[in-house]
Each structure stands twice: as C-alpha cells, then as structure tokens.
C-alpha cells in the first residue's frame, strides 16, 4: 500500500508562514507529478498547487498564487509547500497527492496522504 506522509502543519497567526512536507516512496515519487490539495470544514477538497515530476512546471490556484511555493527534492523523495502571508481562509487540512499526468483534478490523483492540519488565527 502506497503511503504519502505529510508533516509540518500547525497553528499560526495571520501573516505567518509554515512549510509542509510530504514524504513518498521512491517508486512513486520519481514517476509522478505531485500536488497539494486542501479541505476546509464544510467545503469540498480544492486544488492548491502541483509540480511536474522533474520540477520544471508548476501550477497554482489563484487563491494562493504569490504566497505559496511548491517544490520537490527528488533525491529525498519529498514534496514541499512553503506557505506565507497566511490568512484565516487558508485554514484547512492539507493533503499531498500523486498523479501520473499534469492536472488540477483531484479525481485524477491516484495516491493520497492522510493530511496535515493548518490553522490560521486572525
């Protein structure tokens, strides 16, 4: 069973920053595009950003563009999400996921982590 494991979530004040990490098995990480999604209470899971398997291409949701940066270290099989200028609306469970194609559609991501909670207070 493939496991993606997120870490780095926590509580932060508005304007602060957090760095999320996602560790993945080597056989998955190097072959797949990776993405971050989030789900706030009572809302649907939404796309945050994604990165191609070689790191050369990224996509961002408009809501996080200019504030979040996605990156990956293929030597460490780890995905990162550097968040900054956080807002209370960014409060959600953040999930990493793996897809065999470049996409923003959650249904096309095959492997998922369990999520890490990010809470931003005003």
Protein backbone atom coordinates (compact mmCIF):
# COMPACT_ATOMS: atom_id res chain seq x y z
CA UNK A 1 0.00 0.00 0.00
CA UNK A 2 1.44 3.31 -1.08
CA UNK A 3 1.84 5.82 1.72
CA UNK A 4 2.28 9.53 1.37
CA UNK A 5 3.02 11.14 4.71
CA UNK A 6 2.50 14.84 5.30
CA UNK A 7 4.03 16.84 8.12
CA UNK A 8 4.61 20.44 9.14
CA UNK A 9 1.09 21.60 9.82
CA UNK A 10 0.19 23.59 12.90
CA UNK A 11 -1.30 26.79 14.23
CA UNK A 12 -0.04 30.15 13.09
CA UNK A 13 -1.20 33.75 13.22
CA UNK A 14 -2.36 35.57 10.14
CA UNK A 15 0.60 36.78 8.14
CA UNK A 16 2.75 33.91 9.29
CA UNK A 17 4.23 31.02 7.36
CA UNK A 18 4.58 27.25 7.51
CA UNK A 19 6.48 24.71 5.48
CA UNK A 20 4.64 21.49 4.80
CA UNK A 21 6.43 18.34 3.74
CA UNK A 22 5.26 15.13 2.13
CA UNK A 23 7.41 12.01 2.08
CA UNK A 24 6.66 9.44 -0.60
CA UNK A 25 8.02 6.05 -1.65
CA UNK A 26 10.77 6.38 -4.23
CA UNK A 27 8.98 4.24 -6.82
CA UNK A 28 6.06 6.64 -6.75
CA UNK A 29 7.71 9.98 -6.21
CA UNK A 30 10.08 9.90 -9.17
CA UNK A 31 7.44 8.75 -11.65
CA UNK A 32 4.57 11.02 -10.68
CA UNK A 33 3.58 14.64 -10.74
CA UNK A 34 2.78 15.79 -7.22
CA UNK A 35 0.20 18.15 -5.86
CA UNK A 36 -1.24 19.77 -2.76
CA UNK A 37 -4.94 19.99 -2.03
CA UNK A 38 -6.81 21.33 0.97
CA UNK A 39 -10.20 20.86 2.53
CA UNK A 40 -11.79 23.25 4.98
CA UNK A 41 -14.69 22.20 7.23
CA UNK A 42 -17.92 22.03 5.27
CA UNK A 43 -16.20 22.63 1.95
CA UNK A 44 -15.06 20.46 -0.92
CA UNK A 45 -11.47 19.50 -1.39
CA UNK A 46 -9.76 22.07 -3.57
CA UNK A 47 -6.62 22.16 -5.66
CA UNK A 48 -3.80 24.27 -4.24
CA UNK A 49 -0.81 23.63 -6.50
CA UNK A 50 1.10 20.96 -8.36
CA UNK A 51 4.56 20.27 -9.73
CA UNK A 52 5.76 18.08 -12.57
CA UNK A 53 7.90 15.05 -11.89
CA UNK A 54 11.10 16.85 -12.89
CA UNK A 55 10.11 20.03 -11.08
CA UNK A 56 10.15 22.08 -14.23
CA UNK A 57 6.50 23.01 -14.30
CA UNK A 58 4.17 24.26 -11.56
CA UNK A 59 0.51 25.22 -11.32
CA UNK A 60 -1.13 27.31 -8.61
CA UNK A 61 -4.68 28.13 -7.66
CA UNK A 62 -5.34 31.84 -7.93
CA UNK A 63 -6.08 32.00 -4.21
CA UNK A 64 -2.51 31.07 -3.28
CA UNK A 65 -0.53 32.46 -6.20
CA UNK A 66 2.29 34.66 -4.97
CA UNK A 67 2.00 33.37 -1.40
CA UNK A 68 2.68 29.63 -1.68
CA UNK A 69 5.60 27.87 -3.34
CA UNK A 70 5.65 24.19 -4.23
CA UNK A 71 8.93 22.37 -4.66
CA UNK A 72 10.28 18.86 -4.65
CA UNK A 73 13.55 17.16 -3.81
CA UNK A 74 13.80 14.05 -5.92
CA UNK A 75 16.92 12.92 -4.07
CA UNK A 76 14.95 12.85 -0.81
CA UNK A 77 11.60 11.79 -2.33
CA UNK A 78 10.00 14.72 -0.57
CA UNK A 79 7.49 17.32 -1.66
CA UNK A 80 7.30 20.72 -0.01
CA UNK A 81 4.81 23.53 0.28
CA UNK A 82 6.15 26.81 1.59
CA UNK A 83 3.22 28.94 2.68
CA UNK A 84 3.50 32.61 3.55
CA UNK A 85 1.24 35.56 4.25
CA UNK A 86 -1.24 33.08 5.62
CA UNK A 87 -4.86 34.11 6.05
CA UNK A 88 -7.64 32.61 8.17
CA UNK A 89 -9.22 31.41 4.90
CA UNK A 90 -6.18 29.16 4.42
CA UNK A 91 -7.28 27.10 7.42
CA UNK A 92 -7.80 23.54 6.20
CA UNK A 93 -6.44 20.04 6.17
CA UNK A 94 -3.71 19.95 3.55
CA UNK A 95 -3.16 16.78 1.54
CA UNK A 96 -0.40 15.77 -0.80
CA UNK A 97 -1.20 13.57 -3.76
CA UNK A 98 0.43 11.90 -6.75
CA UNK A 99 -0.80 11.87 -10.32
CA UNK A 100 0.54 10.22 -13.45
CA UNK A 101 -0.46 13.26 -15.52
CA UNK A 102 -0.31 17.00 -15.05
CA UNK A 103 -3.72 18.01 -13.79
CA UNK A 104 -5.63 20.02 -11.21
CA UNK A 105 -8.44 17.48 -10.97
CA UNK A 106 -8.49 15.64 -7.67
CA UNK A 107 -10.08 12.57 -9.22
CA UNK A 108 -7.01 12.08 -11.41
CA UNK A 109 -4.63 11.89 -8.44
CA UNK A 110 -4.09 8.25 -7.66
CA UNK A 111 -2.29 8.33 -4.31
CA UNK A 112 -3.10 10.47 -1.29
CA UNK A 113 -1.72 11.22 2.12
CA UNK A 114 -3.73 11.42 5.34
CA UNK A 115 -3.42 15.19 5.59
CA UNK A 116 -1.96 17.72 7.98
CA UNK A 117 -3.98 20.44 9.70
CA UNK A 118 -3.14 24.09 9.14
CA UNK A 119 -4.96 26.59 11.34
CA UNK A 120 -4.53 30.32 10.83
CA UNK A 121 -5.83 32.63 13.53
CA UNK A 122 -6.76 36.25 12.96
